[in-house]
Structure formats: structure tokens, C-alpha cells
C-alpha atoms as a PDB file:
ATOM      1  CA  UNK A   1      76.979 -14.442  64.204  1.00  0.00           C
ATOM      2  CA  UNK A   2      77.774 -11.892  66.969  1.00  0.00           C
ATOM      3  CA  UNK A   3      74.545 -10.188  68.162  1.00  0.00           C
ATOM      4  CA  UNK A   4      74.652  -6.399  68.691  1.00  0.00           C
ATOM      5  CA  UNK A   5      73.649  -5.564  72.270  1.00  0.00           C
ATOM      6  CA  UNK A   6      70.458  -3.547  72.761  1.00  0.00           C
ATOM      7  CA  UNK A   7      71.013   0.017  74.150  1.00  0.00           C
ATOM      8  CA  UNK A   8      68.720   2.241  76.182  1.00  0.00           C
ATOM      9  CA  UNK A   9      68.076   5.599  74.758  1.00  0.00           C
ATOM     10  CA  UNK A  10      70.033   8.309  76.689  1.00  0.00           C
ATOM     11  CA  UNK A  11      66.868  10.529  77.061  1.00  0.00           C
ATOM     12  CA  UNK A  12      64.649   7.739  78.482  1.00  0.00           C
ATOM     13  CA  UNK A  13      63.479   6.943  81.856  1.00  0.00           C
ATOM     14  CA  UNK A  14      64.293   3.248  82.813  1.00  0.00           C
ATOM     15  CA  UNK A  15      61.100   2.951  84.778  1.00  0.00           C
ATOM     16  CA  UNK A  16      59.118   2.871  81.498  1.00  0.00           C
ATOM     17  CA  UNK A  17      60.933  -0.118  80.329  1.00  0.00           C
ATOM     18  CA  UNK A  18      59.357  -3.516  81.045  1.00  0.00           C
ATOM     19  CA  UNK A  19      61.421  -5.873  83.148  1.00  0.00           C
ATOM     20  CA  UNK A  20      62.024  -8.063  80.120  1.00  0.00           C
ATOM     21  CA  UNK A  21      63.410  -5.465  77.976  1.00  0.00           C
ATOM     22  CA  UNK A  22      65.750  -4.226  80.864  1.00  0.00           C
ATOM     23  CA  UNK A  23      66.914  -7.714  81.411  1.00  0.00           C
ATOM     24  CA  UNK A  24      67.433  -8.382  77.588  1.00  0.00           C
ATOM     25  CA  UNK A  25      69.667  -5.448  77.003  1.00  0.00           C
ATOM     26  CA  UNK A  26      71.661  -5.982  80.114  1.00  0.00           C
ATOM     27  CA  UNK A  27      72.190  -9.683  79.473  1.00  0.00           C
ATOM     28  CA  UNK A  28      73.151  -9.324  75.953  1.00  0.00           C
ATOM     29  CA  UNK A  29      75.972  -6.929  76.858  1.00  0.00           C
ATOM     30  CA  UNK A  30      76.972  -8.794  79.827  1.00  0.00           C
ATOM     31  CA  UNK A  31      77.222 -12.237  78.116  1.00  0.00           C
ATOM     32  CA  UNK A  32      80.215 -11.042  76.012  1.00  0.00           C
ATOM     33  CA  UNK A  33      82.039  -9.251  78.944  1.00  0.00           C
ATOM     34  CA  UNK A  34      81.731 -11.862  81.597  1.00  0.00           C
ATOM     35  CA  UNK A  35      81.550 -15.222  79.557  1.00  0.00           C
ATOM     36  CA  UNK A  36      77.985 -16.125  80.133  1.00  0.00           C
ATOM     37  CA  UNK A  37      76.547 -18.145  77.225  1.00  0.00           C
ATOM     38  CA  UNK A  38      72.797 -18.441  77.060  1.00  0.00           C
ATOM     39  CA  UNK A  39      73.162 -21.750  75.248  1.00  0.00           C
ATOM     40  CA  UNK A  40      75.289 -23.399  77.966  1.00  0.00           C
ATOM     41  CA  UNK A  41      73.794 -26.171  80.151  1.00  0.00           C
ATOM     42  CA  UNK A  42      73.113 -25.857  83.911  1.00  0.00           C
ATOM     43  CA  UNK A  43      76.467 -27.723  84.619  1.00  0.00           C
ATOM     44  CA  UNK A  44      78.665 -25.561  82.413  1.00  0.00           C
ATOM     45  CA  UNK A  45      77.041 -22.313  83.495  1.00  0.00           C
ATOM     46  CA  UNK A  46      77.029 -23.043  87.236  1.00  0.00           C
ATOM     47  CA  UNK A  47      80.254 -21.202  87.954  1.00  0.00           C
ATOM     48  CA  UNK A  48      79.678 -18.340  85.361  1.00  0.00           C
ATOM     49  CA  UNK A  49      76.359 -17.493  86.956  1.00  0.00           C
ATOM     50  CA  UNK A  50      78.374 -15.762  89.646  1.00  0.00           C
ATOM     51  CA  UNK A  51      78.650 -12.423  87.988  1.00  0.00           C
ATOM     52  CA  UNK A  52      76.489 -10.355  90.330  1.00  0.00           C
ATOM     53  CA  UNK A  53      79.309  -7.894  91.060  1.00  0.00           C
ATOM     54  CA  UNK A  54      80.318  -7.182  87.246  1.00  0.00           C
ATOM     55  CA  UNK A  55      76.727  -7.147  86.346  1.00  0.00           C
ATOM     56  CA  UNK A  56      75.700  -4.653  89.092  1.00  0.00           C
ATOM     57  CA  UNK A  57      78.405  -2.139  87.832  1.00  0.00           C
ATOM     58  CA  UNK A  58      77.077  -2.479  84.344  1.00  0.00           C
ATOM     59  CA  UNK A  59      73.469  -2.136  85.524  1.00  0.00           C
ATOM     60  CA  UNK A  60      74.225   1.049  87.544  1.00  0.00           C
ATOM     61  CA  UNK A  61      75.955   2.579  84.496  1.00  0.00           C
ATOM     62  CA  UNK A  62      73.137   1.701  82.073  1.00  0.00           C
ATOM     63  CA  UNK A  63      70.343   2.981  84.291  1.00  0.00           C
ATOM     64  CA  UNK A  64      72.188   6.143  85.192  1.00  0.00           C
ATOM     65  CA  UNK A  65      69.599   8.113  83.004  1.00  0.00           C
ATOM     66  CA  UNK A  66      67.054   7.638  85.728  1.00  0.00           C
ATOM     67  CA  UNK A  67      68.789   8.893  89.051  1.00  0.00           C
ATOM     68  CA  UNK A  68      65.667   8.335  90.945  1.00  0.00           C
ATOM     69  CA  UNK A  69      66.018   4.380  90.503  1.00  0.00           C
ATOM     70  CA  UNK A  70      69.024   2.435  91.536  1.00  0.00           C
ATOM     71  CA  UNK A  71      69.568  -1.206  90.861  1.00  0.00           C
ATOM     72  CA  UNK A  72      70.349  -3.224  93.912  1.00  0.00           C
ATOM     73  CA  UNK A  73      70.548  -6.807  92.706  1.00  0.00           C
ATOM     74  CA  UNK A  74      70.003  -9.328  90.014  1.00  0.00           C
ATOM     75  CA  UNK A  75      68.509 -12.917  89.767  1.00  0.00           C
ATOM     76  CA  UNK A  76      69.781 -15.358  87.355  1.00  0.00           C
ATOM     77  CA  UNK A  77      67.726 -18.509  86.490  1.00  0.00           C
ATOM     78  CA  UNK A  78      69.979 -21.413  85.820  1.00  0.00           C
ATOM     79  CA  UNK A  79      67.405 -22.848  83.407  1.00  0.00           C
ATOM     80  CA  UNK A  80      66.095 -20.015  81.521  1.00  0.00           C
ATOM     81  CA  UNK A  81      69.248 -17.670  81.879  1.00  0.00           C
ATOM     82  CA  UNK A  82      66.895 -14.755  82.562  1.00  0.00           C
ATOM     83  CA  UNK A  83      68.268 -11.837  84.469  1.00  0.00           C
ATOM     84  CA  UNK A  84      65.685  -9.939  86.588  1.00  0.00           C
ATOM     85  CA  UNK A  85      66.765  -6.391  87.793  1.00  0.00           C
ATOM     86  CA  UNK A  86      65.404  -5.501  91.127  1.00  0.00           C
ATOM     87  CA  UNK A  87      64.806  -1.934  91.947  1.00  0.00           C
ATOM     88  CA  UNK A  88      65.849  -0.634  95.385  1.00  0.00           C
ATOM     89  CA  UNK A  89      63.659   2.386  95.912  1.00  0.00           C
ATOM     90  CA  UNK A  90      60.297   3.300  94.388  1.00  0.00           C
ATOM     91  CA  UNK A  91      57.679   5.916  95.081  1.00  0.00           C
ATOM     92  CA  UNK A  92      54.378   4.074  94.477  1.00  0.00           C
ATOM     93  CA  UNK A  93      50.903   5.854  94.438  1.00  0.00           C
ATOM     94  CA  UNK A  94      48.008   3.549  95.177  1.00  0.00           C
ATOM     95  CA  UNK A  95      44.478   4.654  93.905  1.00  0.00           C
ATOM     96  CA  UNK A  96      41.162   3.216  94.878  1.00  0.00           C
ATOM     97  CA  UNK A  97      38.596   4.393  92.266  1.00  0.00           C
ATOM     98  CA  UNK A  98      35.107   5.485  93.032  1.00  0.00           C
ATOM     99  CA  UNK A  99      32.719   7.902  91.405  1.00  0.00           C
ATOM    100  CA  UNK A 100      31.916   9.583  94.719  1.00  0.00           C
ATOM    101  CA  UNK A 101      35.060   8.974  96.862  1.00  0.00           C
ATOM    102  CA  UNK A 102      38.525   8.163  95.261  1.00  0.00           C
ATOM    103  CA  UNK A 103      41.106   7.267  97.730  1.00  0.00           C
ATOM    104  CA  UNK A 104      44.746   7.760  97.243  1.00  0.00           C
ATOM    105  CA  UNK A 105      47.973   6.887  99.163  1.00  0.00           C
ATOM    106  CA  UNK A 106      51.573   7.403  98.299  1.00  0.00           C
ATOM    107  CA  UNK A 107      54.498   5.308  99.958  1.00  0.00           C
ATOM    108  CA  UNK A 108      58.116   4.969  99.439  1.00  0.00           C
ATOM    109  CA  UNK A 109      59.290   1.508  99.456  1.00  0.00           C
ATOM    110  CA  UNK A 110      62.978   0.681 100.030  1.00  0.00           C
ATOM    111  CA  UNK A 111      63.329  -3.131  99.575  1.00  0.00           C
ATOM    112  CA  UNK A 112      60.432  -4.214 101.952  1.00  0.00           C
ATOM    113  CA  UNK A 113      60.585  -1.241 104.229  1.00  0.00           C
ATOM    114  CA  UNK A 114      57.724   1.297 103.696  1.00  0.00           C
ATOM    115  CA  UNK A 115      57.511   4.855 104.430  1.00  0.00           C
ATOM    116  CA  UNK A 116      54.375   6.600 104.417  1.00  0.00           C
ATOM    117  CA  UNK A 117      54.209   9.929 102.485  1.00  0.00           C
ATOM    118  CA  UNK A 118      50.621  11.102 102.105  1.00  0.00           C
ATOM    119  CA  UNK A 119      47.153   9.828 101.540  1.00  0.00           C
ATOM    120  CA  UNK A 120      43.509  11.203 101.433  1.00  0.00           C
ATOM    121  CA  UNK A 121      40.321  11.074  99.348  1.00  0.00           C
ATOM    122  CA  UNK A 122      39.155  13.093  96.526  1.00  0.00           C
ATOM    123  CA  UNK A 123      35.416  13.674  97.249  1.00  0.00           C
ATOM    124  CA  UNK A 124      33.143  14.642  94.214  1.00  0.00           C
ATOM    125  CA  UNK A 125      29.966  16.506  93.828  1.00  0.00           C
ATOM    126  CA  UNK A 126      27.575  17.604  91.116  1.00  0.00           C
ATOM    127  CA  UNK A 127      26.278  15.443  88.308  1.00  0.00           C
ATOM    128  CA  UNK A 128      28.242  12.338  87.104  1.00  0.00           C
ATOM    129  CA  UNK A 129      30.340  14.105  84.382  1.00  0.00           C
ATOM    130  CA  UNK A 130      31.470  16.768  86.787  1.00  0.00           C
ATOM    131  CA  UNK A 131      32.490  14.036  89.256  1.00  0.00           C
ATOM    132  CA  UNK A 132      34.545  12.421  86.780  1.00  0.00           C
ATOM    133  CA  UNK A 133      36.264  15.652  85.764  1.00  0.00           C
ATOM    134  CA  UNK A 134      37.008  16.225  89.482  1.00  0.00           C
ATOM    135  CA  UNK A 135      38.687  12.859  89.719  1.00  0.00           C
ATOM    136  CA  UNK A 136      40.756  13.551  86.815  1.00  0.00           C
ATOM    137  CA  UNK A 137      42.000  17.048  88.114  1.00  0.00           C
ATOM    138  CA  UNK A 138      42.547  15.672  91.508  1.00  0.00           C
ATOM    139  CA  UNK A 139      44.900  12.685  90.442  1.00  0.00           C
ATOM    140  CA  UNK A 140      46.632  15.075  88.122  1.00  0.00           C
ATOM    141  CA  UNK A 141      47.268  17.591  90.916  1.00  0.00           C
ATOM    142  CA  UNK A 142      48.603  14.829  93.248  1.00  0.00           C
ATOM    143  CA  UNK A 143      50.946  13.639  90.467  1.00  0.00           C
ATOM    144  CA  UNK A 144      52.275  17.128  89.740  1.00  0.00           C
ATOM    145  CA  UNK A 145      53.023  17.854  93.697  1.00  0.00           C
ATOM    146  CA  UNK A 146      54.689  14.705  94.377  1.00  0.00           C
ATOM    147  CA  UNK A 147      57.336  12.436  93.036  1.00  0.00           C
ATOM    148  CA  UNK A 148      55.786   9.275  91.706  1.00  0.00           C
ATOM    149  CA  UNK A 149      57.426   6.364  90.067  1.00  0.00           C
ATOM    150  CA  UNK A 150      54.442   4.137  89.277  1.00  0.00           C
ATOM    151  CA  UNK A 151      50.648   4.276  89.914  1.00  0.00           C
ATOM    152  CA  UNK A 152      48.593   1.286  91.256  1.00  0.00           C
ATOM    153  CA  UNK A 153      44.950   1.066  90.665  1.00  0.00           C
ATOM    154  CA  UNK A 154      42.465  -1.274  91.819  1.00  0.00           C
ATOM    155  CA  UNK A 155      40.852  -3.392  89.003  1.00  0.00           C
ATOM    156  CA  UNK A 156      37.103  -3.054  88.218  1.00  0.00           C
ATOM    157  CA  UNK A 157      35.148  -5.857  89.449  1.00  0.00           C
ATOM    158  CA  UNK A 158      31.339  -7.146  89.898  1.00  0.00           C
ATOM    159  CA  UNK A 159      30.343  -9.448  92.599  1.00  0.00           C
ATOM    160  CA  UNK A 160      28.705 -12.512  91.091  1.00  0.00           C
ATOM    161  CA  UNK A 161      26.297 -12.891  94.156  1.00  0.00           C
ATOM    162  CA  UNK A 162      25.169  -9.170  93.840  1.00  0.00           C
ATOM    163  CA  UNK A 163      25.648  -7.963  90.213  1.00  0.00           C
ATOM    164  CA  UNK A 164      25.311  -4.330  89.836  1.00  0.00           C
ATOM    165  CA  UNK A 165      26.071  -3.366  86.140  1.00  0.00           C
ATOM    166  CA  UNK A 166      25.353   0.258  86.738  1.00  0.00           C
ATOM    167  CA  UNK A 167      27.869   0.639  89.641  1.00  0.00           C
ATOM    168  CA  UNK A 168      30.547  -1.330  87.436  1.00  0.00           C
ATOM    169  CA  UNK A 169      30.066   1.079  84.575  1.00  0.00           C
ATOM    170  CA  UNK A 170      30.438   4.150  86.893  1.00  0.00           C
ATOM    171  CA  UNK A 171      33.399   2.526  88.523  1.00  0.00           C
ATOM    172  CA  UNK A 172      34.944   2.044  84.829  1.00  0.00           C
ATOM    173  CA  UNK A 173      34.423   5.847  84.125  1.00  0.00           C
ATOM    174  CA  UNK A 174      36.341   6.665  87.428  1.00  0.00           C
ATOM    175  CA  UNK A 175      39.135   4.343  86.210  1.00  0.00           C
ATOM    176  CA  UNK A 176      39.267   5.908  82.978  1.00  0.00           C
ATOM    177  CA  UNK A 177      39.742   9.418  84.563  1.00  0.00           C
ATOM    178  CA  UNK A 178      42.440   8.188  86.718  1.00  0.00           C
ATOM    179  CA  UNK A 179      44.296   6.275  83.820  1.00  0.00           C
ATOM    180  CA  UNK A 180      43.966   9.487  81.650  1.00  0.00           C
ATOM    181  CA  UNK A 181      45.528  11.702  84.321  1.00  0.00           C
ATOM    182  CA  UNK A 182      48.331   9.160  84.877  1.00  0.00           C
ATOM    183  CA  UNK A 183      48.825   9.281  81.252  1.00  0.00           C
ATOM    184  CA  UNK A 184      49.289  12.983  81.030  1.00  0.00           C
ATOM    185  CA  UNK A 185      52.515  12.384  83.299  1.00  0.00           C
ATOM    186  CA  UNK A 186      53.895   9.589  81.196  1.00  0.00           C
ATOM    187  CA  UNK A 187      53.900   7.297  84.171  1.00  0.00           C
ATOM    188  CA  UNK A 188      53.525   3.556  84.197  1.00  0.00           C
ATOM    189  CA  UNK A 189      50.340   2.174  85.684  1.00  0.00           C
ATOM    190  CA  UNK A 190      49.605  -1.438  86.931  1.00  0.00           C
ATOM    191  CA  UNK A 191      46.359  -2.829  88.375  1.00  0.00           C
ATOM    192  CA  UNK A 192      45.446  -5.647  90.794  1.00  0.00           C
ATOM    193  CA  UNK A 193      42.149  -7.091  91.739  1.00  0.00           C
ATOM    194  CA  UNK A 194      40.674  -6.616  95.294  1.00  0.00           C
ATOM    195  CA  UNK A 195      41.342 -10.201  96.124  1.00  0.00           C
ATOM    196  CA  UNK A 196      45.010  -9.886  95.100  1.00  0.00           C
ATOM    197  CA  UNK A 197      45.474  -6.785  97.318  1.00  0.00           C
ATOM    198  CA  UNK A 198      43.847  -8.322 100.273  1.00  0.00           C
ATOM    199  CA  UNK A 199      45.702 -11.722 100.082  1.00  0.00           C
ATOM    200  CA  UNK A 200      49.134  -9.635  99.907  1.00  0.00           C
ATOM    201  CA  UNK A 201      48.189  -7.271 102.819  1.00  0.00           C
ATOM    202  CA  UNK A 202      46.268  -9.646 105.175  1.00  0.00           C
ATOM    203  CA  UNK A 203      46.732 -13.182 103.762  1.00  0.00           C
ATOM    204  CA  UNK A 204      43.306 -13.875 102.815  1.00  0.00           C
ATOM    205  CA  UNK A 205      41.570 -12.907  99.535  1.00  0.00           C
ATOM    206  CA  UNK A 206      38.272 -12.102 101.304  1.00  0.00           C
ATOM    207  CA  UNK A 207      39.487 -10.014 104.223  1.00  0.00           C
ATOM    208  CA  UNK A 208      37.249  -7.294 105.603  1.00  0.00           C
ATOM    209  CA  UNK A 209      38.000  -3.511 105.295  1.00  0.00           C
ATOM    210  CA  UNK A 210      38.848  -3.371 109.044  1.00  0.00           C
ATOM    211  CA  UNK A 211      41.363  -6.039 108.633  1.00  0.00           C
ATOM    212  CA  UNK A 212      43.070  -4.355 105.652  1.00  0.00           C
ATOM    213  CA  UNK A 213      43.003  -1.009 107.367  1.00  0.00           C
ATOM    214  CA  UNK A 214      44.619  -2.436 110.482  1.00  0.00           C
ATOM    215  CA  UNK A 215      47.443  -3.966 108.531  1.00  0.00           C
ATOM    216  CA  UNK A 216      48.070  -0.818 106.565  1.00  0.00           C
ATOM    217  CA  UNK A 217      48.364   1.058 109.949  1.00  0.00           C
ATOM    218  CA  UNK A 218      50.734  -1.811 111.278  1.00  0.00           C
ATOM    219  CA  UNK A 219      52.947  -1.927 108.128  1.00  0.00           C
ATOM    220  CA  UNK A 220      53.260   1.819 107.754  1.00  0.00           C
ATOM    221  CA  UNK A 221      53.645   2.423 111.613  1.00  0.00           C
ATOM    222  CA  UNK A 222      50.870   5.024 111.479  1.00  0.00           C
ATOM    223  CA  UNK A 223      49.450   6.543 114.819  1.00  0.00           C
ATOM    224  CA  UNK A 224      45.756   5.771 113.635  1.00  0.00           C
ATOM    225  CA  UNK A 225      44.210   3.993 110.860  1.00  0.00           C
ATOM    226  CA  UNK A 226      43.567   5.960 107.666  1.00  0.00           C
ATOM    227  CA  UNK A 227      40.161   6.593 106.250  1.00  0.00           C
ATOM    228  CA  UNK A 228      38.772   3.465 104.468  1.00  0.00           C
ATOM    229  CA  UNK A 229      39.335   4.404 100.887  1.00  0.00           C
ATOM    230  CA  UNK A 230      42.674   5.864 101.598  1.00  0.00           C
ATOM    231  CA  UNK A 231      43.697   2.605 103.387  1.00  0.00           C
ATOM    232  CA  UNK A 232      42.567   0.572 100.378  1.00  0.00           C
ATOM    233  CA  UNK A 233      44.764   2.800  98.114  1.00  0.00           C
ATOM    234  CA  UNK A 234      47.876   2.465 100.361  1.00  0.00           C
ATOM    235  CA  UNK A 235      47.284  -1.304 100.353  1.00  0.00           C
ATOM    236  CA  UNK A 236      47.376  -1.386  96.758  1.00  0.00           C
ATOM    237  CA  UNK A 237      50.727   0.430  96.738  1.00  0.00           C
ATOM    238  CA  UNK A 238      52.063  -1.998  99.353  1.00  0.00           C
ATOM    239  CA  UNK A 239      50.886  -4.976  97.222  1.00  0.00           C
ATOM    240  CA  UNK A 240      52.902  -3.847  94.251  1.00  0.00           C
ATOM    241  CA  UNK A 241      55.783  -3.434  96.416  1.00  0.00           C
ATOM    242  CA  UNK A 242      55.560  -6.920  97.613  1.00  0.00           C
ATOM    243  CA  UNK A 243      55.411  -8.184  94.092  1.00  0.00           C
ATOM    244  CA  UNK A 244      58.357  -6.409  92.513  1.00  0.00           C
ATOM    245  CA  UNK A 245      60.830  -5.699  95.332  1.00  0.00           C
END
């Protein structure tokens, strides 16, 4: 039975589709046009896996509904026959949540070349509810003023050696305000643990803030190190770029 290829709606943004869905509809359409059979073994499919040029032309045409994103390549797994579309350019906003100081940092990642756009901190005052509202409004304003493709937020955590439930609850409120602000703009959001971010930037999961700040300054070619919270936010954005580009 011939399968009907899946299509991406014309009025959609390709960035909101998961990688698996994008790969699914491209592969189902490409298989009939370039002769790739998902059921073929690794020996029969060895030569037919060389479809990069034909595939890229189809990728470009199918992703034209989002002009800000361009497909630059594809990876074909001989065993699983899974195609993963790689995005060439991405505007990534990193956010380091905090009830008193929330850091943010925006970069443009082109392959593994990073360009600094802006960074800073949202400083809050007043009672706790007012601070949470300030965070929401601040993130929403940043998203409205800048072109952002995806938002990266640091995951909530609590140190096992020094547990502080009250701090963790406040951090959760701040994360909720940030996620709600991102949701108003219909943007995708991902999160990484502090150890994941530090390992991606410094190479050690338990690196100090000074080491993270130094590497952020080095990778973004900044004249001076950014403020600590902004540096953590920029580190989160760079971490995501390493994972997807």
C-alpha cells in the first residue's frame, strides 16, 4: 500500500515542528522521488543514501513557509534510516531565572559561529508577586523587541548538600513567569540543567561562575565579561546551539 506523504501546513512556522515530525514528512516524500526504501538493508541502501542534493532542494521548498530558517544539511542513519534536518541560522534567547535578578542573553548562531546580539538583567523590587509580574513583563518586552526563534531556560534544581525548598519554590515561580511570557509569543522553549550548560561551555559540569563567564566572553569575542546572570543566560543559549547545530 502506498503511503500518503505528510505535508506541513502552509501557514505554519517550521520551527515549531519537532525534529522527528520534520524528518518524517520529508523522508516519506523523498523516498518515493529518489528511490530510498525504509525497509532496505544497509547493503542495498548504501548507494541510495547519497541523496543529499536532491533532499536539500526538497527541504528548502518545504521549509519556505519560514524564511528565517534555512536548511543546510541532512544526516541519514544507515541503520534507522532517520533523516535529521539541521538548521543553519538560529536566534537563541537564553534566560537565567531568578526571583530578584533574571539574566537574559540573545545570540545568533550560524553553524557553530556565534554572534552576540544583546544581554542584560531584569531586576525586580517590591513584594514577591510584584517581582514575578516584573519578570513576565520584562521577558515579554524582550521577545517583542527582538527576533527570537527559540528560548532556552535553566532548569530548576536544588543542591542535595544544601537543600533550600523555599528558594526552589521561588525559582519555580520565576520560571513560570518566563514560560508564560514565551507562550504569549508562540515560541518553542527548551531547558537544560546547570550541569549540562557548564559542561557544554567549560567542559566540566561543576565549573565555577568565573569559568563560565570567561568562556562566554571568549566564545562571543566580547571586550569584557558580561554580568554574572547575563553570562549564565548566554551560556544557556550557546549550550543549545552546540546541541542542535
